[in-house]
PDB file of N, CA and C in Angstrom:
ATOM      1  N   GLN A   1       0.848  -1.189   0.000  1.00  0.00           N
ATOM      2  CA  GLN A   1       0.000   0.000   0.000  1.00  0.00           C
ATOM      3  C   GLN A   1       0.882   1.236   0.000  1.00  0.00           C
ATOM      4  N   VAL A   2       0.411   2.283  -0.666  1.00  0.00           N
ATOM      5  CA  VAL A   2       1.174   3.506  -0.804  1.00  0.00           C
ATOM      6  C   VAL A   2       1.189   4.270   0.508  1.00  0.00           C
ATOM      7  N   GLN A   3       2.360   4.740   0.860  1.00  0.00           N
ATOM      8  CA  GLN A   3       2.509   5.616   2.001  1.00  0.00           C
ATOM      9  C   GLN A   3       3.278   6.859   1.593  1.00  0.00           C
ATOM     10  N   LEU A   4       2.838   7.983   2.105  1.00  0.00           N
ATOM     11  CA  LEU A   4       3.510   9.254   1.908  1.00  0.00           C
ATOM     12  C   LEU A   4       3.850   9.809   3.279  1.00  0.00           C
ATOM     13  N   VAL A   5       5.090  10.168   3.468  1.00  0.00           N
ATOM     14  CA  VAL A   5       5.539  10.647   4.764  1.00  0.00           C
ATOM     15  C   VAL A   5       6.154  12.025   4.599  1.00  0.00           C
ATOM     16  N   GLU A   6       5.544  13.010   5.244  1.00  0.00           N
ATOM     17  CA  GLU A   6       6.043  14.376   5.193  1.00  0.00           C
ATOM     18  C   GLU A   6       6.960  14.662   6.371  1.00  0.00           C
ATOM     19  N   SER A   7       7.840  15.610   6.156  1.00  0.00           N
ATOM     20  CA  SER A   7       8.683  16.105   7.222  1.00  0.00           C
ATOM     21  C   SER A   7       9.137  17.512   6.860  1.00  0.00           C
ATOM     22  N   GLY A   8       9.707  18.204   7.820  1.00  0.00           N
ATOM     23  CA  GLY A   8      10.292  19.499   7.563  1.00  0.00           C
ATOM     24  C   GLY A   8       9.508  20.685   8.076  1.00  0.00           C
ATOM     25  N   GLY A   9       8.331  20.450   8.594  1.00  0.00           N
ATOM     26  CA  GLY A   9       7.555  21.547   9.137  1.00  0.00           C
ATOM     27  C   GLY A   9       8.151  22.071  10.421  1.00  0.00           C
ATOM     28  N   GLY A  10       7.629  23.197  10.852  1.00  0.00           N
ATOM     29  CA  GLY A  10       8.112  23.793  12.078  1.00  0.00           C
ATOM     30  C   GLY A  10       7.679  25.224  12.211  1.00  0.00           C
ATOM     31  N   LEU A  11       8.305  25.896  13.143  1.00  0.00           N
ATOM     32  CA  LEU A  11       8.027  27.304  13.411  1.00  0.00           C
ATOM     33  C   LEU A  11       9.092  28.161  12.751  1.00  0.00           C
ATOM     34  N   VAL A  12       8.653  29.159  12.022  1.00  0.00           N
ATOM     35  CA  VAL A  12       9.576  30.047  11.331  1.00  0.00           C
ATOM     36  C   VAL A  12       9.040  31.467  11.389  1.00  0.00           C
ATOM     37  N   GLN A  13       9.931  32.427  11.408  1.00  0.00           N
ATOM     38  CA  GLN A  13       9.531  33.825  11.420  1.00  0.00           C
ATOM     39  C   GLN A  13       9.108  34.290  10.032  1.00  0.00           C
ATOM     40  N   PRO A  14       8.246  35.282   9.963  1.00  0.00           N
ATOM     41  CA  PRO A  14       7.900  35.837   8.655  1.00  0.00           C
ATOM     42  C   PRO A  14       9.141  36.222   7.866  1.00  0.00           C
ATOM     43  N   GLY A  15       9.116  35.884   6.595  1.00  0.00           N
ATOM     44  CA  GLY A  15      10.262  36.116   5.740  1.00  0.00           C
ATOM     45  C   GLY A  15      11.253  34.977   5.709  1.00  0.00           C
ATOM     46  N   GLY A  16      11.070  34.024   6.581  1.00  0.00           N
ATOM     47  CA  GLY A  16      11.957  32.888   6.634  1.00  0.00           C
ATOM     48  C   GLY A  16      11.613  31.826   5.613  1.00  0.00           C
ATOM     49  N   SER A  17      12.353  30.736   5.681  1.00  0.00           N
ATOM     50  CA  SER A  17      12.200  29.653   4.715  1.00  0.00           C
ATOM     51  C   SER A  17      12.125  28.304   5.403  1.00  0.00           C
ATOM     52  N   LEU A  18      11.440  27.399   4.760  1.00  0.00           N
ATOM     53  CA  LEU A  18      11.392  26.007   5.164  1.00  0.00           C
ATOM     54  C   LEU A  18      11.386  25.146   3.916  1.00  0.00           C
ATOM     55  N   ARG A  19      11.880  23.937   4.055  1.00  0.00           N
ATOM     56  CA  ARG A  19      11.769  22.959   2.989  1.00  0.00           C
ATOM     57  C   ARG A  19      11.072  21.723   3.523  1.00  0.00           C
ATOM     58  N   LEU A  20       9.938  21.421   2.936  1.00  0.00           N
ATOM     59  CA  LEU A  20       9.194  20.232   3.291  1.00  0.00           C
ATOM     60  C   LEU A  20       9.602  19.074   2.391  1.00  0.00           C
ATOM     61  N   SER A  21       9.568  17.885   2.951  1.00  0.00           N
ATOM     62  CA  SER A  21       9.884  16.690   2.203  1.00  0.00           C
ATOM     63  C   SER A  21       8.716  15.725   2.244  1.00  0.00           C
ATOM     64  N   CYS A  22       8.507  15.048   1.158  1.00  0.00           N
ATOM     65  CA  CYS A  22       7.501  13.999   1.078  1.00  0.00           C
ATOM     66  C   CYS A  22       8.147  12.781   0.450  1.00  0.00           C
ATOM     67  N   THR A  23       8.282  11.741   1.227  1.00  0.00           N
ATOM     68  CA  THR A  23       8.891  10.520   0.745  1.00  0.00           C
ATOM     69  C   THR A  23       7.816   9.465   0.528  1.00  0.00           C
ATOM     70  N   ALA A  24       7.793   8.921  -0.669  1.00  0.00           N
ATOM     71  CA  ALA A  24       6.805   7.925  -1.040  1.00  0.00           C
ATOM     72  C   ALA A  24       7.370   6.523  -0.909  1.00  0.00           C
ATOM     73  N   SER A  25       6.475   5.579  -0.750  1.00  0.00           N
ATOM     74  CA  SER A  25       6.877   4.191  -0.592  1.00  0.00           C
ATOM     75  C   SER A  25       7.164   3.498  -1.917  1.00  0.00           C
ATOM     76  N   ARG A  26       7.019   4.206  -3.003  1.00  0.00           N
ATOM     77  CA  ARG A  26       7.375   3.686  -4.308  1.00  0.00           C
ATOM     78  C   ARG A  26       7.820   4.837  -5.185  1.00  0.00           C
ATOM     79  N   SER A  27       8.259   4.508  -6.391  1.00  0.00           N
ATOM     80  CA  SER A  27       8.759   5.522  -7.307  1.00  0.00           C
ATOM     81  C   SER A  27       7.740   6.628  -7.520  1.00  0.00           C
ATOM     82  N   ILE A  28       8.205   7.859  -7.418  1.00  0.00           N
ATOM     83  CA  ILE A  28       7.293   8.982  -7.619  1.00  0.00           C
ATOM     84  C   ILE A  28       6.847   9.092  -9.065  1.00  0.00           C
ATOM     85  N   PHE A  29       7.563   8.462  -9.971  1.00  0.00           N
ATOM     86  CA  PHE A  29       7.151   8.456 -11.374  1.00  0.00           C
ATOM     87  C   PHE A  29       5.944   7.560 -11.611  1.00  0.00           C
ATOM     88  N   SER A  30       5.608   6.735 -10.646  1.00  0.00           N
ATOM     89  CA  SER A  30       4.454   5.866 -10.789  1.00  0.00           C
ATOM     90  C   SER A  30       3.145   6.606 -10.568  1.00  0.00           C
ATOM     91  N   PHE A  31       3.215   7.833 -10.105  1.00  0.00           N
ATOM     92  CA  PHE A  31       2.024   8.637  -9.876  1.00  0.00           C
ATOM     93  C   PHE A  31       1.784   9.588 -11.036  1.00  0.00           C
ATOM     94  N   ASP A  32       0.522   9.829 -11.321  1.00  0.00           N
ATOM     95  CA  ASP A  32       0.195  10.764 -12.388  1.00  0.00           C
ATOM     96  C   ASP A  32       0.495  12.193 -11.984  1.00  0.00           C
ATOM     97  N   THR A  33       0.189  12.522 -10.757  1.00  0.00           N
ATOM     98  CA  THR A  33       0.542  13.826 -10.219  1.00  0.00           C
ATOM     99  C   THR A  33       1.008  13.669  -8.784  1.00  0.00           C
ATOM    100  N   MET A  34       1.831  14.593  -8.370  1.00  0.00           N
ATOM    101  CA  MET A  34       2.179  14.739  -6.967  1.00  0.00           C
ATOM    102  C   MET A  34       2.169  16.221  -6.643  1.00  0.00           C
ATOM    103  N   GLY A  35       1.921  16.504  -5.397  1.00  0.00           N
ATOM    104  CA  GLY A  35       1.910  17.898  -5.025  1.00  0.00           C
ATOM    105  C   GLY A  35       1.679  18.105  -3.551  1.00  0.00           C
ATOM    106  N   TRP A  36       1.373  19.333  -3.239  1.00  0.00           N
ATOM    107  CA  TRP A  36       1.172  19.749  -1.868  1.00  0.00           C
ATOM    108  C   TRP A  36      -0.127  20.524  -1.724  1.00  0.00           C
ATOM    109  N   TYR A  37      -0.818  20.243  -0.650  1.00  0.00           N
ATOM    110  CA  TYR A  37      -1.993  20.988  -0.243  1.00  0.00           C
ATOM    111  C   TYR A  37      -1.780  21.471   1.181  1.00  0.00           C
ATOM    112  N   ARG A  38      -2.602  22.401   1.593  1.00  0.00           N
ATOM    113  CA  ARG A  38      -2.509  22.861   2.963  1.00  0.00           C
ATOM    114  C   ARG A  38      -3.897  23.161   3.502  1.00  0.00           C
ATOM    115  N   GLN A  39      -4.001  23.110   4.813  1.00  0.00           N
ATOM    116  CA  GLN A  39      -5.264  23.396   5.465  1.00  0.00           C
ATOM    117  C   GLN A  39      -5.006  24.200   6.729  1.00  0.00           C
ATOM    118  N   ALA A  40      -5.534  25.397   6.739  1.00  0.00           N
ATOM    119  CA  ALA A  40      -5.446  26.260   7.901  1.00  0.00           C
ATOM    120  C   ALA A  40      -6.662  26.030   8.790  1.00  0.00           C
ATOM    121  N   PRO A  41      -6.554  26.352  10.067  1.00  0.00           N
ATOM    122  CA  PRO A  41      -7.691  26.175  10.964  1.00  0.00           C
ATOM    123  C   PRO A  41      -8.935  26.896  10.463  1.00  0.00           C
ATOM    124  N   GLY A  42     -10.037  26.181  10.431  1.00  0.00           N
ATOM    125  CA  GLY A  42     -11.292  26.764   9.996  1.00  0.00           C
ATOM    126  C   GLY A  42     -11.458  26.907   8.500  1.00  0.00           C
ATOM    127  N   LYS A  43     -10.494  26.462   7.732  1.00  0.00           N
ATOM    128  CA  LYS A  43     -10.558  26.575   6.285  1.00  0.00           C
ATOM    129  C   LYS A  43     -10.518  25.204   5.629  1.00  0.00           C
ATOM    130  N   GLU A  44     -10.963  25.177   4.389  1.00  0.00           N
ATOM    131  CA  GLU A  44     -10.884  23.955   3.611  1.00  0.00           C
ATOM    132  C   GLU A  44      -9.460  23.728   3.121  1.00  0.00           C
ATOM    133  N   ARG A  45      -9.166  22.484   2.854  1.00  0.00           N
ATOM    134  CA  ARG A  45      -7.878  22.161   2.272  1.00  0.00           C
ATOM    135  C   ARG A  45      -7.769  22.808   0.892  1.00  0.00           C
ATOM    136  N   GLU A  46      -6.632  23.415   0.625  1.00  0.00           N
ATOM    137  CA  GLU A  46      -6.451  24.117  -0.626  1.00  0.00           C
ATOM    138  C   GLU A  46      -5.168  23.683  -1.318  1.00  0.00           C
ATOM    139  N   LEU A  47      -5.190  23.829  -2.614  1.00  0.00           N
ATOM    140  CA  LEU A  47      -4.025  23.508  -3.424  1.00  0.00           C
ATOM    141  C   LEU A  47      -2.885  24.467  -3.132  1.00  0.00           C
ATOM    142  N   VAL A  48      -1.706  23.925  -2.989  1.00  0.00           N
ATOM    143  CA  VAL A  48      -0.488  24.725  -2.971  1.00  0.00           C
ATOM    144  C   VAL A  48       0.195  24.609  -4.327  1.00  0.00           C
ATOM    145  N   VAL A  49       0.503  23.392  -4.714  1.00  0.00           N
ATOM    146  CA  VAL A  49       1.104  23.133  -6.013  1.00  0.00           C
ATOM    147  C   VAL A  49       0.923  21.673  -6.375  1.00  0.00           C
ATOM    148  N   THR A  50       0.725  21.413  -7.639  1.00  0.00           N
ATOM    149  CA  THR A  50       0.763  20.059  -8.161  1.00  0.00           C
ATOM    150  C   THR A  50       1.691  20.021  -9.359  1.00  0.00           C
ATOM    151  N   GLY A  51       2.189  18.852  -9.635  1.00  0.00           N
ATOM    152  CA  GLY A  51       3.063  18.669 -10.774  1.00  0.00           C
ATOM    153  C   GLY A  51       2.944  17.273 -11.340  1.00  0.00           C
ATOM    154  N   THR A  52       3.348  17.134 -12.573  1.00  0.00           N
ATOM    155  CA  THR A  52       3.370  15.841 -13.233  1.00  0.00           C
ATOM    156  C   THR A  52       4.806  15.432 -13.506  1.00  0.00           C
ATOM    157  N   SER A  53       4.990  14.156 -13.758  1.00  0.00           N
ATOM    158  CA  SER A  53       6.319  13.673 -14.106  1.00  0.00           C
ATOM    159  C   SER A  53       6.787  14.252 -15.430  1.00  0.00           C
ATOM    160  N   GLY A  54       5.844  14.711 -16.243  1.00  0.00           N
ATOM    161  CA  GLY A  54       6.191  15.342 -17.501  1.00  0.00           C
ATOM    162  C   GLY A  54       6.708  16.751 -17.365  1.00  0.00           C
ATOM    163  N   GLY A  55       6.623  17.309 -16.164  1.00  0.00           N
ATOM    164  CA  GLY A  55       7.219  18.606 -15.919  1.00  0.00           C
ATOM    165  C   GLY A  55       6.267  19.763 -15.727  1.00  0.00           C
ATOM    166  N   SER A  56       4.975  19.533 -15.857  1.00  0.00           N
ATOM    167  CA  SER A  56       4.040  20.626 -15.656  1.00  0.00           C
ATOM    168  C   SER A  56       3.942  20.967 -14.174  1.00  0.00           C
ATOM    169  N   ARG A  57       3.676  22.226 -13.906  1.00  0.00           N
ATOM    170  CA  ARG A  57       3.549  22.712 -12.540  1.00  0.00           C
ATOM    171  C   ARG A  57       2.365  23.644 -12.453  1.00  0.00           C
ATOM    172  N   ASN A  58       1.625  23.516 -11.369  1.00  0.00           N
ATOM    173  CA  ASN A  58       0.451  24.342 -11.153  1.00  0.00           C
ATOM    174  C   ASN A  58       0.492  24.881  -9.733  1.00  0.00           C
ATOM    175  N   TYR A  59       0.864  26.143  -9.601  1.00  0.00           N
ATOM    176  CA  TYR A  59       0.973  26.782  -8.302  1.00  0.00           C
ATOM    177  C   TYR A  59      -0.246  27.633  -8.013  1.00  0.00           C
ATOM    178  N   ALA A  60      -0.654  27.616  -6.767  1.00  0.00           N
ATOM    179  CA  ALA A  60      -1.667  28.559  -6.337  1.00  0.00           C
ATOM    180  C   ALA A  60      -1.121  29.974  -6.452  1.00  0.00           C
ATOM    181  N   ASP A  61      -1.999  30.902  -6.790  1.00  0.00           N
ATOM    182  CA  ASP A  61      -1.562  32.288  -6.948  1.00  0.00           C
ATOM    183  C   ASP A  61      -0.897  32.828  -5.686  1.00  0.00           C
ATOM    184  N   SER A  62      -1.358  32.380  -4.549  1.00  0.00           N
ATOM    185  CA  SER A  62      -0.858  32.897  -3.288  1.00  0.00           C
ATOM    186  C   SER A  62       0.590  32.510  -2.996  1.00  0.00           C
ATOM    187  N   VAL A  63       1.105  31.510  -3.702  1.00  0.00           N
ATOM    188  CA  VAL A  63       2.464  31.051  -3.426  1.00  0.00           C
ATOM    189  C   VAL A  63       3.399  31.210  -4.606  1.00  0.00           C
ATOM    190  N   LYS A  64       2.896  31.649  -5.736  1.00  0.00           N
ATOM    191  CA  LYS A  64       3.738  31.810  -6.912  1.00  0.00           C
ATOM    192  C   LYS A  64       4.890  32.769  -6.624  1.00  0.00           C
ATOM    193  N   GLY A  65       6.064  32.358  -7.042  1.00  0.00           N
ATOM    194  CA  GLY A  65       7.243  33.166  -6.820  1.00  0.00           C
ATOM    195  C   GLY A  65       7.896  32.961  -5.480  1.00  0.00           C
ATOM    196  N   ARG A  66       7.227  32.262  -4.583  1.00  0.00           N
ATOM    197  CA  ARG A  66       7.772  32.013  -3.255  1.00  0.00           C
ATOM    198  C   ARG A  66       8.026  30.538  -2.987  1.00  0.00           C
ATOM    199  N   PHE A  67       7.163  29.688  -3.507  1.00  0.00           N
ATOM    200  CA  PHE A  67       7.277  28.249  -3.280  1.00  0.00           C
ATOM    201  C   PHE A  67       7.730  27.556  -4.551  1.00  0.00           C
ATOM    202  N   THR A  68       8.496  26.494  -4.382  1.00  0.00           N
ATOM    203  CA  THR A  68       8.976  25.720  -5.506  1.00  0.00           C
ATOM    204  C   THR A  68       8.907  24.239  -5.187  1.00  0.00           C
ATOM    205  N   ILE A  69       8.309  23.485  -6.090  1.00  0.00           N
ATOM    206  CA  ILE A  69       8.278  22.040  -5.932  1.00  0.00           C
ATOM    207  C   ILE A  69       9.435  21.435  -6.717  1.00  0.00           C
ATOM    208  N   SER A  70      10.045  20.425  -6.153  1.00  0.00           N
ATOM    209  CA  SER A  70      11.134  19.735  -6.818  1.00  0.00           C
ATOM    210  C   SER A  70      11.119  18.276  -6.391  1.00  0.00           C
ATOM    211  N   ARG A  71      11.995  17.499  -6.979  1.00  0.00           N
ATOM    212  CA  ARG A  71      11.991  16.075  -6.674  1.00  0.00           C
ATOM    213  C   ARG A  71      13.391  15.500  -6.711  1.00  0.00           C
ATOM    214  N   ASP A  72      13.551  14.425  -5.988  1.00  0.00           N
ATOM    215  CA  ASP A  72      14.755  13.614  -6.025  1.00  0.00           C
ATOM    216  C   ASP A  72      14.284  12.194  -6.288  1.00  0.00           C
ATOM    217  N   ASN A  73      14.385  11.787  -7.526  1.00  0.00           N
ATOM    218  CA  ASN A  73      13.837  10.498  -7.917  1.00  0.00           C
ATOM    219  C   ASN A  73      14.506   9.330  -7.191  1.00  0.00           C
ATOM    220  N   ALA A  74      15.802   9.442  -6.976  1.00  0.00           N
ATOM    221  CA  ALA A  74      16.526   8.371  -6.319  1.00  0.00           C
ATOM    222  C   ALA A  74      16.052   8.145  -4.894  1.00  0.00           C
ATOM    223  N   LYS A  75      15.537   9.192  -4.280  1.00  0.00           N
ATOM    224  CA  LYS A  75      15.063   9.097  -2.907  1.00  0.00           C
ATOM    225  C   LYS A  75      13.544   8.962  -2.811  1.00  0.00           C
ATOM    226  N   ASN A  76      12.874   8.878  -3.948  1.00  0.00           N
ATOM    227  CA  ASN A  76      11.411   8.821  -3.978  1.00  0.00           C
ATOM    228  C   ASN A  76      10.800   9.984  -3.208  1.00  0.00           C
ATOM    229  N   THR A  77      11.398  11.134  -3.353  1.00  0.00           N
ATOM    230  CA  THR A  77      11.038  12.269  -2.513  1.00  0.00           C
ATOM    231  C   THR A  77      10.688  13.494  -3.348  1.00  0.00           C
ATOM    232  N   VAL A  78       9.629  14.148  -2.943  1.00  0.00           N
ATOM    233  CA  VAL A  78       9.228  15.437  -3.493  1.00  0.00           C
ATOM    234  C   VAL A  78       9.415  16.487  -2.411  1.00  0.00           C
ATOM    235  N   TYR A  79       9.909  17.634  -2.812  1.00  0.00           N
ATOM    236  CA  TYR A  79      10.171  18.710  -1.874  1.00  0.00           C
ATOM    237  C   TYR A  79       9.286  19.916  -2.164  1.00  0.00           C
ATOM    238  N   LEU A  80       9.060  20.684  -1.137  1.00  0.00           N
ATOM    239  CA  LEU A  80       8.437  21.981  -1.290  1.00  0.00           C
ATOM    240  C   LEU A  80       9.315  23.009  -0.597  1.00  0.00           C
ATOM    241  N   GLN A  81      10.021  23.780  -1.391  1.00  0.00           N
ATOM    242  CA  GLN A  81      10.832  24.862  -0.856  1.00  0.00           C
ATOM    243  C   GLN A  81       9.948  26.085  -0.689  1.00  0.00           C
ATOM    244  N   MET A  82       9.872  26.577   0.516  1.00  0.00           N
ATOM    245  CA  MET A  82       9.013  27.695   0.835  1.00  0.00           C
ATOM    246  C   MET A  82       9.880  28.856   1.302  1.00  0.00           C
ATOM    247  N   ASN A  83       9.873  29.921   0.533  1.00  0.00           N
ATOM    248  CA  ASN A  83      10.646  31.112   0.850  1.00  0.00           C
ATOM    249  C   ASN A  83       9.724  32.283   1.128  1.00  0.00           C
ATOM    250  N   ASN A  84      10.277  33.278   1.801  1.00  0.00           N
ATOM    251  CA  ASN A  84       9.515  34.480   2.130  1.00  0.00           C
ATOM    252  C   ASN A  84       8.166  34.131   2.741  1.00  0.00           C
ATOM    253  N   LEU A  85       8.211  33.304   3.738  1.00  0.00           N
ATOM    254  CA  LEU A  85       6.979  32.835   4.357  1.00  0.00           C
ATOM    255  C   LEU A  85       6.224  33.960   5.041  1.00  0.00           C
ATOM    256  N   LYS A  86       4.920  33.847   4.976  1.00  0.00           N
ATOM    257  CA  LYS A  86       4.023  34.829   5.555  1.00  0.00           C
ATOM    258  C   LYS A  86       3.144  34.163   6.603  1.00  0.00           C
ATOM    259  N   PRO A  87       2.629  34.935   7.549  1.00  0.00           N
ATOM    260  CA  PRO A  87       1.739  34.342   8.544  1.00  0.00           C
ATOM    261  C   PRO A  87       0.564  33.583   7.936  1.00  0.00           C
ATOM    262  N   GLU A  88       0.066  34.053   6.810  1.00  0.00           N
ATOM    263  CA  GLU A  88      -1.048  33.379   6.170  1.00  0.00           C
ATOM    264  C   GLU A  88      -0.675  32.036   5.552  1.00  0.00           C
ATOM    265  N   ASP A  89       0.609  31.726   5.534  1.00  0.00           N
ATOM    266  CA  ASP A  89       1.044  30.408   5.096  1.00  0.00           C
ATOM    267  C   ASP A  89       0.903  29.361   6.195  1.00  0.00           C
ATOM    268  N   THR A  90       0.594  29.796   7.383  1.00  0.00           N
ATOM    269  CA  THR A  90       0.442  28.878   8.502  1.00  0.00           C
ATOM    270  C   THR A  90      -0.670  27.883   8.219  1.00  0.00           C
ATOM    271  N   ALA A  91      -0.339  26.619   8.279  1.00  0.00           N
ATOM    272  CA  ALA A  91      -1.293  25.564   7.965  1.00  0.00           C
ATOM    273  C   ALA A  91      -0.624  24.216   8.183  1.00  0.00           C
ATOM    274  N   VAL A  92      -1.434  23.191   8.134  1.00  0.00           N
ATOM    275  CA  VAL A  92      -0.905  21.846   8.016  1.00  0.00           C
ATOM    276  C   VAL A  92      -0.731  21.561   6.535  1.00  0.00           C
ATOM    277  N   TYR A  93       0.451  21.151   6.161  1.00  0.00           N
ATOM    278  CA  TYR A  93       0.763  20.879   4.767  1.00  0.00           C
ATOM    279  C   TYR A  93       0.742  19.385   4.517  1.00  0.00           C
ATOM    280  N   TYR A  94       0.036  19.000   3.475  1.00  0.00           N
ATOM    281  CA  TYR A  94      -0.147  17.602   3.137  1.00  0.00           C
ATOM    282  C   TYR A  94       0.455  17.282   1.784  1.00  0.00           C
ATOM    283  N   CYS A  95       1.203  16.225   1.744  1.00  0.00           N
ATOM    284  CA  CYS A  95       1.667  15.688   0.474  1.00  0.00           C
ATOM    285  C   CYS A  95       0.538  14.910  -0.181  1.00  0.00           C
ATOM    286  N   ASN A  96       0.456  15.008  -1.484  1.00  0.00           N
ATOM    287  CA  ASN A  96      -0.608  14.351  -2.233  1.00  0.00           C
ATOM    288  C   ASN A  96      -0.047  13.645  -3.450  1.00  0.00           C
ATOM    289  N   ALA A  97      -0.578  12.483  -3.728  1.00  0.00           N
ATOM    290  CA  ALA A  97      -0.231  11.756  -4.941  1.00  0.00           C
ATOM    291  C   ALA A  97      -1.495  11.184  -5.548  1.00  0.00           C
ATOM    292  N   VAL A  98      -1.571  11.238  -6.860  1.00  0.00           N
ATOM    293  CA  VAL A  98      -2.727  10.724  -7.579  1.00  0.00           C
ATOM    294  C   VAL A  98      -2.272   9.644  -8.538  1.00  0.00           C
ATOM    295  N   GLU A  99      -2.982   8.546  -8.510  1.00  0.00           N
ATOM    296  CA  GLU A  99      -2.701   7.413  -9.374  1.00  0.00           C
ATOM    297  C   GLU A  99      -3.958   7.075 -10.156  1.00  0.00           C
ATOM    298  N   ILE A 100      -3.841   7.043 -11.456  1.00  0.00           N
ATOM    299  CA  ILE A 100      -4.938   6.628 -12.324  1.00  0.00           C
ATOM    300  C   ILE A 100      -4.637   5.230 -12.828  1.00  0.00           C
ATOM    301  N   ARG A 101      -5.543   4.325 -12.557  1.00  0.00           N
ATOM    302  CA  ARG A 101      -5.356   2.918 -12.937  1.00  0.00           C
ATOM    303  C   ARG A 101      -5.766   2.737 -14.389  1.00  0.00           C
ATOM    304  N   ARG A 102      -4.947   3.259 -15.274  1.00  0.00           N
ATOM    305  CA  ARG A 102      -5.264   3.279 -16.696  1.00  0.00           C
ATOM    306  C   ARG A 102      -5.411   1.894 -17.312  1.00  0.00           C
ATOM    307  N   PHE A 103      -4.651   0.946 -16.813  1.00  0.00           N
ATOM    308  CA  PHE A 103      -4.616  -0.373 -17.425  1.00  0.00           C
ATOM    309  C   PHE A 103      -5.433  -1.403 -16.675  1.00  0.00           C
ATOM    310  N   SER A 104      -6.269  -0.930 -15.781  1.00  0.00           N
ATOM    311  CA  SER A 104      -7.169  -1.826 -15.070  1.00  0.00           C
ATOM    312  C   SER A 104      -8.570  -1.236 -15.058  1.00  0.00           C
ATOM    313  N   THR A 105      -8.992  -0.724 -13.912  1.00  0.00           N
ATOM    314  CA  THR A 105     -10.355  -0.232 -13.762  1.00  0.00           C
ATOM    315  C   THR A 105     -10.535   1.229 -14.148  1.00  0.00           C
ATOM    316  N   GLY A 106      -9.453   1.958 -14.263  1.00  0.00           N
ATOM    317  CA  GLY A 106      -9.543   3.390 -14.477  1.00  0.00           C
ATOM    318  C   GLY A 106      -9.813   4.176 -13.213  1.00  0.00           C
ATOM    319  N   GLU A 107      -9.805   3.503 -12.107  1.00  0.00           N
ATOM    320  CA  GLU A 107     -10.029   4.148 -10.818  1.00  0.00           C
ATOM    321  C   GLU A 107      -8.970   5.196 -10.550  1.00  0.00           C
ATOM    322  N   ILE A 108      -9.403   6.311 -10.017  1.00  0.00           N
ATOM    323  CA  ILE A 108      -8.484   7.361  -9.599  1.00  0.00           C
ATOM    324  C   ILE A 108      -8.270   7.233  -8.100  1.00  0.00           C
ATOM    325  N   ARG A 109      -7.033   7.063  -7.724  1.00  0.00           N
ATOM    326  CA  ARG A 109      -6.691   6.926  -6.322  1.00  0.00           C
ATOM    327  C   ARG A 109      -5.942   8.153  -5.841  1.00  0.00           C
ATOM    328  N   ASN A 110      -6.353   8.639  -4.713  1.00  0.00           N
ATOM    329  CA  ASN A 110      -5.786   9.830  -4.120  1.00  0.00           C
ATOM    330  C   ASN A 110      -5.131   9.453  -2.795  1.00  0.00           C
ATOM    331  N   TYR A 111      -3.847   9.705  -2.696  1.00  0.00           N
ATOM    332  CA  TYR A 111      -3.105   9.364  -1.499  1.00  0.00           C
ATOM    333  C   TYR A 111      -2.665  10.630  -0.781  1.00  0.00           C
ATOM    334  N   TRP A 112      -2.661  10.550   0.531  1.00  0.00           N
ATOM    335  CA  TRP A 112      -2.298  11.694   1.358  1.00  0.00           C
ATOM    336  C   TRP A 112      -1.318  11.297   2.434  1.00  0.00           C
ATOM    337  N   GLY A 113      -0.412  12.198   2.720  1.00  0.00           N
ATOM    338  CA  GLY A 113       0.447  12.029   3.862  1.00  0.00           C
ATOM    339  C   GLY A 113      -0.267  12.437   5.136  1.00  0.00           C
ATOM    340  N   GLN A 114       0.432  12.304   6.232  1.00  0.00           N
ATOM    341  CA  GLN A 114      -0.181  12.596   7.531  1.00  0.00           C
ATOM    342  C   GLN A 114      -0.217  14.086   7.849  1.00  0.00           C
ATOM    343  N   GLY A 115       0.517  14.866   7.107  1.00  0.00           N
ATOM    344  CA  GLY A 115       0.562  16.296   7.313  1.00  0.00           C
ATOM    345  C   GLY A 115       1.717  16.721   8.199  1.00  0.00           C
ATOM    346  N   THR A 116       2.214  17.906   7.935  1.00  0.00           N
ATOM    347  CA  THR A 116       3.250  18.495   8.768  1.00  0.00           C
ATOM    348  C   THR A 116       2.897  19.957   9.015  1.00  0.00           C
ATOM    349  N   GLN A 117       3.015  20.367  10.254  1.00  0.00           N
ATOM    350  CA  GLN A 117       2.594  21.704  10.647  1.00  0.00           C
ATOM    351  C   GLN A 117       3.642  22.740  10.287  1.00  0.00           C
ATOM    352  N   VAL A 118       3.190  23.788   9.635  1.00  0.00           N
ATOM    353  CA  VAL A 118       4.023  24.949   9.362  1.00  0.00           C
ATOM    354  C   VAL A 118       3.393  26.142  10.057  1.00  0.00           C
ATOM    355  N   THR A 119       4.149  26.771  10.918  1.00  0.00           N
ATOM    356  CA  THR A 119       3.671  27.941  11.640  1.00  0.00           C
ATOM    357  C   THR A 119       4.609  29.100  11.365  1.00  0.00           C
ATOM    358  N   VAL A 120       4.056  30.174  10.844  1.00  0.00           N
ATOM    359  CA  VAL A 120       4.829  31.365  10.521  1.00  0.00           C
ATOM    360  C   VAL A 120       4.415  32.458  11.485  1.00  0.00           C
ATOM    361  N   SER A 121       5.289  32.783  12.390  1.00  0.00           N
ATOM    362  CA  SER A 121       4.971  33.737  13.433  1.00  0.00           C
ATOM    363  C   SER A 121       6.249  34.298  14.030  1.00  0.00           C
ATOM    364  N   SER A 122       6.177  35.535  14.466  1.00  0.00           N
ATOM    365  CA  SER A 122       7.297  36.144  15.163  1.00  0.00           C
ATOM    366  C   SER A 122       7.213  35.923  16.661  1.00  0.00           C
TER     367      SER A 122
END
């Protein structure tokens, strides 16, 4: 079964940086998309960024120019580099992977990590 494990969250001052890691239990190329979502208290989970193995990237407007998704295939790991953090970035960040069973049922499977807390505060 697929597992996604996030790490790297913590407390950071406004303007600071963090790098989140998401390590998958299998090759990240086996997923159709991978990305990051976040959920702040009292709010719905929202897209941060998604990407495909083909190289496409889709960033939320609120993080464009500040956040960057990257990967290390050898480590089965996707990263989220977060720069110039703002208090409104405070949320639990979740790694996400989507698998489409193209050669079987066509079922779309959505996998989530356990989340890692990011708190931006002075």
